[in-house]
């Protein structure tokens, strides 16, 4: 990877942006993060970092890892959508 591209990515890295936007994030009605701990793209490592950054910034959020891969996980909507509904209902 070219160093300039990596620097550009880091400017938009959600983990690094938590501190900058912590006040705005605290005003959100709900943040839901879930990921698979057998994810073939290893997204769970970034999700763990994001959750820790949110905790450190005292931003309320729901974080959960589940036993699956990145594929065929539509069944997780039975968990995430009720959370989001409760957070967004008037």
PDB file of N, CA and C in Angstrom:
ATOM      1  N   UNK A   1       0.851  -1.180   0.000  1.00  0.00           N
ATOM      2  CA  UNK A   1       0.000   0.000   0.000  1.00  0.00           C
ATOM      3  C   UNK A   1       0.893   1.240   0.000  1.00  0.00           C
ATOM      4  N   UNK A   2       0.482   2.204  -0.748  1.00  0.00           N
ATOM      5  CA  UNK A   2       1.231   3.459  -0.802  1.00  0.00           C
ATOM      6  C   UNK A   2       1.025   4.251   0.491  1.00  0.00           C
ATOM      7  N   UNK A   3       2.104   4.816   1.029  1.00  0.00           N
ATOM      8  CA  UNK A   3       1.991   5.575   2.282  1.00  0.00           C
ATOM      9  C   UNK A   3       0.958   6.697   2.219  1.00  0.00           C
ATOM     10  N   UNK A   4       0.842   7.371   1.096  1.00  0.00           N
ATOM     11  CA  UNK A   4      -0.123   8.467   0.996  1.00  0.00           C
ATOM     12  C   UNK A   4      -1.559   7.953   1.069  1.00  0.00           C
ATOM     13  N   UNK A   5      -1.815   6.795   0.501  1.00  0.00           N
ATOM     14  CA  UNK A   5      -3.157   6.210   0.582  1.00  0.00           C
ATOM     15  C   UNK A   5      -3.477   5.785   2.012  1.00  0.00           C
ATOM     16  N   UNK A   6      -2.497   5.233   2.696  1.00  0.00           N
ATOM     17  CA  UNK A   6      -2.697   4.829   4.083  1.00  0.00           C
ATOM     18  C   UNK A   6      -2.988   6.046   4.951  1.00  0.00           C
ATOM     19  N   UNK A   7      -2.256   7.123   4.763  1.00  0.00           N
ATOM     20  CA  UNK A   7      -2.519   8.353   5.526  1.00  0.00           C
ATOM     21  C   UNK A   7      -3.933   8.867   5.253  1.00  0.00           C
ATOM     22  N   UNK A   8      -4.351   8.798   4.007  1.00  0.00           N
ATOM     23  CA  UNK A   8      -5.708   9.239   3.667  1.00  0.00           C
ATOM     24  C   UNK A   8      -6.751   8.350   4.347  1.00  0.00           C
ATOM     25  N   UNK A   9      -6.515   7.040   4.354  1.00  0.00           N
ATOM     26  CA  UNK A   9      -7.436   6.134   5.048  1.00  0.00           C
ATOM     27  C   UNK A   9      -7.519   6.513   6.518  1.00  0.00           C
ATOM     28  N   UNK A  10      -6.381   6.735   7.142  1.00  0.00           N
ATOM     29  CA  UNK A  10      -6.370   7.041   8.564  1.00  0.00           C
ATOM     30  C   UNK A  10      -7.143   8.324   8.884  1.00  0.00           C
ATOM     31  N   UNK A  11      -7.218   9.256   7.957  1.00  0.00           N
ATOM     32  CA  UNK A  11      -7.998  10.475   8.167  1.00  0.00           C
ATOM     33  C   UNK A  11      -9.488  10.174   8.296  1.00  0.00           C
ATOM     34  N   UNK A  12      -9.921   9.050   7.764  1.00  0.00           N
ATOM     35  CA  UNK A  12     -11.338   8.669   7.784  1.00  0.00           C
ATOM     36  C   UNK A  12     -11.594   7.415   8.618  1.00  0.00           C
ATOM     37  N   UNK A  13     -10.610   6.988   9.376  1.00  0.00           N
ATOM     38  CA  UNK A  13     -10.727   5.789  10.187  1.00  0.00           C
ATOM     39  C   UNK A  13     -11.725   6.039  11.327  1.00  0.00           C
ATOM     40  N   UNK A  14     -12.822   5.272  11.397  1.00  0.00           N
ATOM     41  CA  UNK A  14     -13.819   5.508  12.448  1.00  0.00           C
ATOM     42  C   UNK A  14     -13.242   5.473  13.860  1.00  0.00           C
ATOM     43  N   UNK A  15     -12.291   4.606  14.109  1.00  0.00           N
ATOM     44  CA  UNK A  15     -11.696   4.518  15.447  1.00  0.00           C
ATOM     45  C   UNK A  15     -11.006   5.827  15.806  1.00  0.00           C
ATOM     46  N   UNK A  16     -10.293   6.393  14.871  1.00  0.00           N
ATOM     47  CA  UNK A  16      -9.578   7.645  15.117  1.00  0.00           C
ATOM     48  C   UNK A  16     -10.511   8.856  15.173  1.00  0.00           C
ATOM     49  N   UNK A  17     -11.695   8.735  14.623  1.00  0.00           N
ATOM     50  CA  UNK A  17     -12.631   9.867  14.602  1.00  0.00           C
ATOM     51  C   UNK A  17     -13.500   9.958  15.854  1.00  0.00           C
ATOM     52  N   UNK A  18     -13.478   8.936  16.691  1.00  0.00           N
ATOM     53  CA  UNK A  18     -14.328   8.940  17.879  1.00  0.00           C
ATOM     54  C   UNK A  18     -14.056  10.161  18.745  1.00  0.00           C
ATOM     55  N   UNK A  19     -12.810  10.435  19.063  1.00  0.00           N
ATOM     56  CA  UNK A  19     -12.504  11.579  19.931  1.00  0.00           C
ATOM     57  C   UNK A  19     -12.977  12.890  19.323  1.00  0.00           C
ATOM     58  N   UNK A  20     -12.776  13.043  18.030  1.00  0.00           N
ATOM     59  CA  UNK A  20     -13.167  14.285  17.358  1.00  0.00           C
ATOM     60  C   UNK A  20     -14.677  14.511  17.421  1.00  0.00           C
ATOM     61  N   UNK A  21     -15.448  13.443  17.305  1.00  0.00           N
ATOM     62  CA  UNK A  21     -16.905  13.558  17.237  1.00  0.00           C
ATOM     63  C   UNK A  21     -17.615  13.014  18.466  1.00  0.00           C
ATOM     64  N   UNK A  22     -16.907  12.841  19.563  1.00  0.00           N
ATOM     65  CA  UNK A  22     -17.492  12.225  20.761  1.00  0.00           C
ATOM     66  C   UNK A  22     -18.752  12.943  21.233  1.00  0.00           C
ATOM     67  N   UNK A  23     -18.733  14.258  21.245  1.00  0.00           N
ATOM     68  CA  UNK A  23     -19.910  15.006  21.713  1.00  0.00           C
ATOM     69  C   UNK A  23     -21.122  14.708  20.829  1.00  0.00           C
ATOM     70  N   UNK A  24     -20.921  14.666  19.532  1.00  0.00           N
ATOM     71  CA  UNK A  24     -22.022  14.351  18.614  1.00  0.00           C
ATOM     72  C   UNK A  24     -22.475  12.902  18.781  1.00  0.00           C
ATOM     73  N   UNK A  25     -21.530  11.999  18.956  1.00  0.00           N
ATOM     74  CA  UNK A  25     -21.873  10.588  19.137  1.00  0.00           C
ATOM     75  C   UNK A  25     -22.687  10.371  20.403  1.00  0.00           C
ATOM     76  N   UNK A  26     -22.388  11.129  21.453  1.00  0.00           N
ATOM     77  CA  UNK A  26     -23.135  10.990  22.708  1.00  0.00           C
ATOM     78  C   UNK A  26     -24.589  11.412  22.554  1.00  0.00           C
ATOM     79  N   UNK A  27     -24.889  12.232  21.568  1.00  0.00           N
ATOM     80  CA  UNK A  27     -26.258  12.694  21.353  1.00  0.00           C
ATOM     81  C   UNK A  27     -27.104  11.706  20.550  1.00  0.00           C
ATOM     82  N   UNK A  28     -26.478  10.722  19.964  1.00  0.00           N
ATOM     83  CA  UNK A  28     -27.235   9.741  19.180  1.00  0.00           C
ATOM     84  C   UNK A  28     -28.114   8.892  20.090  1.00  0.00           C
ATOM     85  N   UNK A  29     -29.225   8.453  19.565  1.00  0.00           N
ATOM     86  CA  UNK A  29     -30.177   7.668  20.361  1.00  0.00           C
ATOM     87  C   UNK A  29     -29.775   6.207  20.474  1.00  0.00           C
ATOM     88  N   UNK A  30     -28.890   5.750  19.632  1.00  0.00           N
ATOM     89  CA  UNK A  30     -28.465   4.354  19.705  1.00  0.00           C
ATOM     90  C   UNK A  30     -27.357   4.056  18.726  1.00  0.00           C
ATOM     91  N   UNK A  31     -26.344   3.373  19.201  1.00  0.00           N
ATOM     92  CA  UNK A  31     -25.263   2.883  18.350  1.00  0.00           C
ATOM     93  C   UNK A  31     -25.203   1.378  18.556  1.00  0.00           C
ATOM     94  N   UNK A  32     -25.326   0.644  17.487  1.00  0.00           N
ATOM     95  CA  UNK A  32     -25.344  -0.815  17.552  1.00  0.00           C
ATOM     96  C   UNK A  32     -24.210  -1.347  16.686  1.00  0.00           C
ATOM     97  N   UNK A  33     -23.328  -2.114  17.287  1.00  0.00           N
ATOM     98  CA  UNK A  33     -22.210  -2.729  16.563  1.00  0.00           C
ATOM     99  C   UNK A  33     -22.228  -4.210  16.894  1.00  0.00           C
ATOM    100  N   UNK A  34     -22.344  -5.028  15.875  1.00  0.00           N
ATOM    101  CA  UNK A  34     -22.126  -6.449  16.094  1.00  0.00           C
ATOM    102  C   UNK A  34     -21.245  -6.986  14.984  1.00  0.00           C
ATOM    103  N   UNK A  35     -20.552  -8.054  15.297  1.00  0.00           N
ATOM    104  CA  UNK A  35     -19.643  -8.649  14.314  1.00  0.00           C
ATOM    105  C   UNK A  35     -19.429 -10.117  14.645  1.00  0.00           C
ATOM    106  N   UNK A  36     -18.896 -10.787  13.704  1.00  0.00           N
ATOM    107  CA  UNK A  36     -18.658 -12.217  13.808  1.00  0.00           C
ATOM    108  C   UNK A  36     -17.229 -12.434  14.286  1.00  0.00           C
ATOM    109  N   UNK A  37     -17.025 -13.289  15.260  1.00  0.00           N
ATOM    110  CA  UNK A  37     -15.655 -13.483  15.710  1.00  0.00           C
ATOM    111  C   UNK A  37     -14.889 -14.482  14.858  1.00  0.00           C
ATOM    112  N   UNK A  38     -15.562 -15.051  13.839  1.00  0.00           N
ATOM    113  CA  UNK A  38     -14.860 -15.880  12.846  1.00  0.00           C
ATOM    114  C   UNK A  38     -14.895 -15.203  11.478  1.00  0.00           C
ATOM    115  N   UNK A  39     -15.013 -13.898  11.456  1.00  0.00           N
ATOM    116  CA  UNK A  39     -15.132 -13.138  10.216  1.00  0.00           C
ATOM    117  C   UNK A  39     -13.914 -13.373   9.322  1.00  0.00           C
ATOM    118  N   UNK A  40     -14.170 -13.778   8.091  1.00  0.00           N
ATOM    119  CA  UNK A  40     -13.076 -14.071   7.180  1.00  0.00           C
ATOM    120  C   UNK A  40     -12.317 -12.806   6.750  1.00  0.00           C
ATOM    121  N   UNK A  41     -12.910 -11.648   6.963  1.00  0.00           N
ATOM    122  CA  UNK A  41     -12.229 -10.383   6.641  1.00  0.00           C
ATOM    123  C   UNK A  41     -11.625  -9.741   7.891  1.00  0.00           C
ATOM    124  N   UNK A  42     -11.780 -10.413   9.017  1.00  0.00           N
ATOM    125  CA  UNK A  42     -11.199  -9.980  10.296  1.00  0.00           C
ATOM    126  C   UNK A  42     -11.738  -8.634  10.775  1.00  0.00           C
ATOM    127  N   UNK A  43     -12.976  -8.340  10.416  1.00  0.00           N
ATOM    128  CA  UNK A  43     -13.586  -7.068  10.813  1.00  0.00           C
ATOM    129  C   UNK A  43     -13.748  -6.962  12.324  1.00  0.00           C
ATOM    130  N   UNK A  44     -13.778  -8.085  13.001  1.00  0.00           N
ATOM    131  CA  UNK A  44     -13.972  -8.050  14.454  1.00  0.00           C
ATOM    132  C   UNK A  44     -12.836  -7.326  15.168  1.00  0.00           C
ATOM    133  N   UNK A  45     -11.649  -7.321  14.606  1.00  0.00           N
ATOM    134  CA  UNK A  45     -10.550  -6.596  15.257  1.00  0.00           C
ATOM    135  C   UNK A  45     -10.805  -5.086  15.243  1.00  0.00           C
ATOM    136  N   UNK A  46     -11.266  -4.575  14.124  1.00  0.00           N
ATOM    137  CA  UNK A  46     -11.606  -3.155  14.050  1.00  0.00           C
ATOM    138  C   UNK A  46     -12.812  -2.807  14.892  1.00  0.00           C
ATOM    139  N   UNK A  47     -13.802  -3.698  14.929  1.00  0.00           N
ATOM    140  CA  UNK A  47     -14.994  -3.457  15.752  1.00  0.00           C
ATOM    141  C   UNK A  47     -14.635  -3.415  17.230  1.00  0.00           C
ATOM    142  N   UNK A  48     -13.730  -4.274  17.652  1.00  0.00           N
ATOM    143  CA  UNK A  48     -13.270  -4.246  19.044  1.00  0.00           C
ATOM    144  C   UNK A  48     -12.593  -2.919  19.362  1.00  0.00           C
ATOM    145  N   UNK A  49     -11.755  -2.457  18.451  1.00  0.00           N
ATOM    146  CA  UNK A  49     -11.080  -1.172  18.662  1.00  0.00           C
ATOM    147  C   UNK A  49     -12.086  -0.036  18.723  1.00  0.00           C
ATOM    148  N   UNK A  50     -13.079  -0.071  17.834  1.00  0.00           N
ATOM    149  CA  UNK A  50     -14.098   0.975  17.832  1.00  0.00           C
ATOM    150  C   UNK A  50     -14.882   0.972  19.138  1.00  0.00           C
ATOM    151  N   UNK A  51     -15.268  -0.194  19.605  1.00  0.00           N
ATOM    152  CA  UNK A  51     -16.008  -0.280  20.859  1.00  0.00           C
ATOM    153  C   UNK A  51     -15.170   0.253  22.024  1.00  0.00           C
ATOM    154  N   UNK A  52     -13.903  -0.098  22.066  1.00  0.00           N
ATOM    155  CA  UNK A  52     -13.034   0.410  23.143  1.00  0.00           C
ATOM    156  C   UNK A  52     -12.891   1.921  23.069  1.00  0.00           C
ATOM    157  N   UNK A  53     -12.774   2.471  21.857  1.00  0.00           N
ATOM    158  CA  UNK A  53     -12.670   3.929  21.703  1.00  0.00           C
ATOM    159  C   UNK A  53     -13.961   4.602  22.170  1.00  0.00           C
ATOM    160  N   UNK A  54     -15.106   4.016  21.847  1.00  0.00           N
ATOM    161  CA  UNK A  54     -16.379   4.568  22.303  1.00  0.00           C
ATOM    162  C   UNK A  54     -16.493   4.501  23.825  1.00  0.00           C
ATOM    163  N   UNK A  55     -16.092   3.398  24.408  1.00  0.00           N
ATOM    164  CA  UNK A  55     -16.106   3.282  25.875  1.00  0.00           C
ATOM    165  C   UNK A  55     -15.225   4.347  26.509  1.00  0.00           C
ATOM    166  N   UNK A  56     -14.027   4.503  25.990  1.00  0.00           N
ATOM    167  CA  UNK A  56     -13.083   5.486  26.525  1.00  0.00           C
ATOM    168  C   UNK A  56     -13.652   6.902  26.442  1.00  0.00           C
ATOM    169  N   UNK A  57     -14.387   7.181  25.369  1.00  0.00           N
ATOM    170  CA  UNK A  57     -14.991   8.504  25.170  1.00  0.00           C
ATOM    171  C   UNK A  57     -16.345   8.624  25.876  1.00  0.00           C
ATOM    172  N   UNK A  58     -16.733   7.588  26.602  1.00  0.00           N
ATOM    173  CA  UNK A  58     -18.011   7.561  27.327  1.00  0.00           C
ATOM    174  C   UNK A  58     -19.206   7.743  26.386  1.00  0.00           C
ATOM    175  N   UNK A  59     -19.153   7.048  25.269  1.00  0.00           N
ATOM    176  CA  UNK A  59     -20.250   7.054  24.303  1.00  0.00           C
ATOM    177  C   UNK A  59     -21.018   5.741  24.475  1.00  0.00           C
ATOM    178  N   UNK A  60     -22.285   5.852  24.816  1.00  0.00           N
ATOM    179  CA  UNK A  60     -23.117   4.662  25.001  1.00  0.00           C
ATOM    180  C   UNK A  60     -23.290   3.938  23.666  1.00  0.00           C
ATOM    181  N   UNK A  61     -23.147   2.632  23.717  1.00  0.00           N
ATOM    182  CA  UNK A  61     -23.323   1.826  22.517  1.00  0.00           C
ATOM    183  C   UNK A  61     -23.540   0.377  22.909  1.00  0.00           C
ATOM    184  N   UNK A  62     -24.070  -0.386  21.983  1.00  0.00           N
ATOM    185  CA  UNK A  62     -24.244  -1.827  22.168  1.00  0.00           C
ATOM    186  C   UNK A  62     -23.219  -2.506  21.282  1.00  0.00           C
ATOM    187  N   UNK A  63     -22.413  -3.383  21.869  1.00  0.00           N
ATOM    188  CA  UNK A  63     -21.410  -4.133  21.108  1.00  0.00           C
ATOM    189  C   UNK A  63     -21.566  -5.611  21.411  1.00  0.00           C
ATOM    190  N   UNK A  64     -21.567  -6.415  20.354  1.00  0.00           N
ATOM    191  CA  UNK A  64     -21.717  -7.854  20.531  1.00  0.00           C
ATOM    192  C   UNK A  64     -20.969  -8.594  19.437  1.00  0.00           C
ATOM    193  N   UNK A  65     -20.268  -9.635  19.836  1.00  0.00           N
ATOM    194  CA  UNK A  65     -19.655 -10.556  18.880  1.00  0.00           C
ATOM    195  C   UNK A  65     -20.446 -11.855  18.921  1.00  0.00           C
ATOM    196  N   UNK A  66     -20.597 -12.479  17.773  1.00  0.00           N
ATOM    197  CA  UNK A  66     -21.321 -13.736  17.724  1.00  0.00           C
ATOM    198  C   UNK A  66     -20.546 -14.754  16.903  1.00  0.00           C
ATOM    199  N   UNK A  67     -20.878 -16.001  17.104  1.00  0.00           N
ATOM    200  CA  UNK A  67     -20.146 -17.109  16.500  1.00  0.00           C
ATOM    201  C   UNK A  67     -20.647 -17.366  15.083  1.00  0.00           C
ATOM    202  N   UNK A  68     -19.982 -16.729  14.136  1.00  0.00           N
ATOM    203  CA  UNK A  68     -20.320 -16.941  12.735  1.00  0.00           C
ATOM    204  C   UNK A  68     -19.248 -16.297  11.875  1.00  0.00           C
ATOM    205  N   UNK A  69     -19.491 -16.326  10.567  1.00  0.00           N
ATOM    206  CA  UNK A  69     -18.590 -15.662   9.620  1.00  0.00           C
ATOM    207  C   UNK A  69     -19.306 -14.440   9.049  1.00  0.00           C
ATOM    208  N   UNK A  70     -18.713 -13.818   8.058  1.00  0.00           N
ATOM    209  CA  UNK A  70     -19.263 -12.603   7.460  1.00  0.00           C
ATOM    210  C   UNK A  70     -20.439 -12.907   6.516  1.00  0.00           C
ATOM    211  N   UNK A  71     -20.672 -14.170   6.232  1.00  0.00           N
ATOM    212  CA  UNK A  71     -21.650 -14.567   5.209  1.00  0.00           C
ATOM    213  C   UNK A  71     -22.946 -15.084   5.813  1.00  0.00           C
ATOM    214  N   UNK A  72     -24.044 -14.843   5.103  1.00  0.00           N
ATOM    215  CA  UNK A  72     -25.357 -15.390   5.459  1.00  0.00           C
ATOM    216  C   UNK A  72     -25.742 -15.100   6.907  1.00  0.00           C
ATOM    217  N   UNK A  73     -25.706 -13.845   7.275  1.00  0.00           N
ATOM    218  CA  UNK A  73     -26.015 -13.478   8.660  1.00  0.00           C
ATOM    219  C   UNK A  73     -27.273 -12.615   8.764  1.00  0.00           C
ATOM    220  N   UNK A  74     -28.157 -12.741   7.795  1.00  0.00           N
ATOM    221  CA  UNK A  74     -29.410 -11.986   7.836  1.00  0.00           C
ATOM    222  C   UNK A  74     -30.195 -12.252   9.117  1.00  0.00           C
ATOM    223  N   UNK A  75     -30.030 -13.421   9.700  1.00  0.00           N
ATOM    224  CA  UNK A  75     -30.753 -13.751  10.926  1.00  0.00           C
ATOM    225  C   UNK A  75     -30.413 -12.787  12.067  1.00  0.00           C
ATOM    226  N   UNK A  76     -29.295 -12.089  11.967  1.00  0.00           N
ATOM    227  CA  UNK A  76     -28.911 -11.130  12.999  1.00  0.00           C
ATOM    228  C   UNK A  76     -29.827  -9.906  13.011  1.00  0.00           C
ATOM    229  N   UNK A  77     -30.574  -9.701  11.940  1.00  0.00           N
ATOM    230  CA  UNK A  77     -31.527  -8.587  11.923  1.00  0.00           C
ATOM    231  C   UNK A  77     -32.590  -8.758  12.998  1.00  0.00           C
ATOM    232  N   UNK A  78     -32.844  -9.995  13.408  1.00  0.00           N
ATOM    233  CA  UNK A  78     -33.796 -10.230  14.499  1.00  0.00           C
ATOM    234  C   UNK A  78     -33.292  -9.628  15.805  1.00  0.00           C
ATOM    235  N   UNK A  79     -32.014  -9.370  15.897  1.00  0.00           N
ATOM    236  CA  UNK A  79     -31.421  -8.757  17.086  1.00  0.00           C
ATOM    237  C   UNK A  79     -31.229  -7.253  16.882  1.00  0.00           C
ATOM    238  N   UNK A  80     -30.658  -6.891  15.753  1.00  0.00           N
ATOM    239  CA  UNK A  80     -30.303  -5.483  15.531  1.00  0.00           C
ATOM    240  C   UNK A  80     -31.514  -4.584  15.263  1.00  0.00           C
ATOM    241  N   UNK A  81     -32.459  -5.038  14.472  1.00  0.00           N
ATOM    242  CA  UNK A  81     -33.589  -4.173  14.130  1.00  0.00           C
ATOM    243  C   UNK A  81     -34.459  -3.807  15.329  1.00  0.00           C
ATOM    244  N   UNK A  82     -34.757  -4.727  16.249  1.00  0.00           N
ATOM    245  CA  UNK A  82     -35.504  -4.304  17.443  1.00  0.00           C
ATOM    246  C   UNK A  82     -34.746  -3.256  18.268  1.00  0.00           C
ATOM    247  N   UNK A  83     -33.431  -3.400  18.374  1.00  0.00           N
ATOM    248  CA  UNK A  83     -32.634  -2.399  19.086  1.00  0.00           C
ATOM    249  C   UNK A  83     -32.788  -1.031  18.414  1.00  0.00           C
ATOM    250  N   UNK A  84     -32.622  -1.010  17.108  1.00  0.00           N
ATOM    251  CA  UNK A  84     -32.715   0.255  16.374  1.00  0.00           C
ATOM    252  C   UNK A  84     -34.127   0.833  16.425  1.00  0.00           C
ATOM    253  N   UNK A  85     -35.134  -0.029  16.373  1.00  0.00           N
ATOM    254  CA  UNK A  85     -36.510   0.449  16.481  1.00  0.00           C
ATOM    255  C   UNK A  85     -36.739   1.154  17.822  1.00  0.00           C
ATOM    256  N   UNK A  86     -36.299   0.498  18.901  1.00  0.00           N
ATOM    257  CA  UNK A  86     -36.466   1.105  20.239  1.00  0.00           C
ATOM    258  C   UNK A  86     -35.715   2.425  20.332  1.00  0.00           C
ATOM    259  N   UNK A  87     -34.554   2.516  19.713  1.00  0.00           N
ATOM    260  CA  UNK A  87     -33.758   3.740  19.785  1.00  0.00           C
ATOM    261  C   UNK A  87     -34.390   4.879  18.970  1.00  0.00           C
ATOM    262  N   UNK A  88     -35.063   4.534  17.887  1.00  0.00           N
ATOM    263  CA  UNK A  88     -35.555   5.563  16.968  1.00  0.00           C
ATOM    264  C   UNK A  88     -37.032   5.889  17.103  1.00  0.00           C
ATOM    265  N   UNK A  89     -37.778   5.077  17.822  1.00  0.00           N
ATOM    266  CA  UNK A  89     -39.212   5.355  17.914  1.00  0.00           C
ATOM    267  C   UNK A  89     -39.450   6.674  18.644  1.00  0.00           C
ATOM    268  N   UNK A  90     -40.520   7.360  18.251  1.00  0.00           N
ATOM    269  CA  UNK A  90     -40.796   8.677  18.872  1.00  0.00           C
ATOM    270  C   UNK A  90     -41.212   8.564  20.334  1.00  0.00           C
TER     271      UNK A  90
END
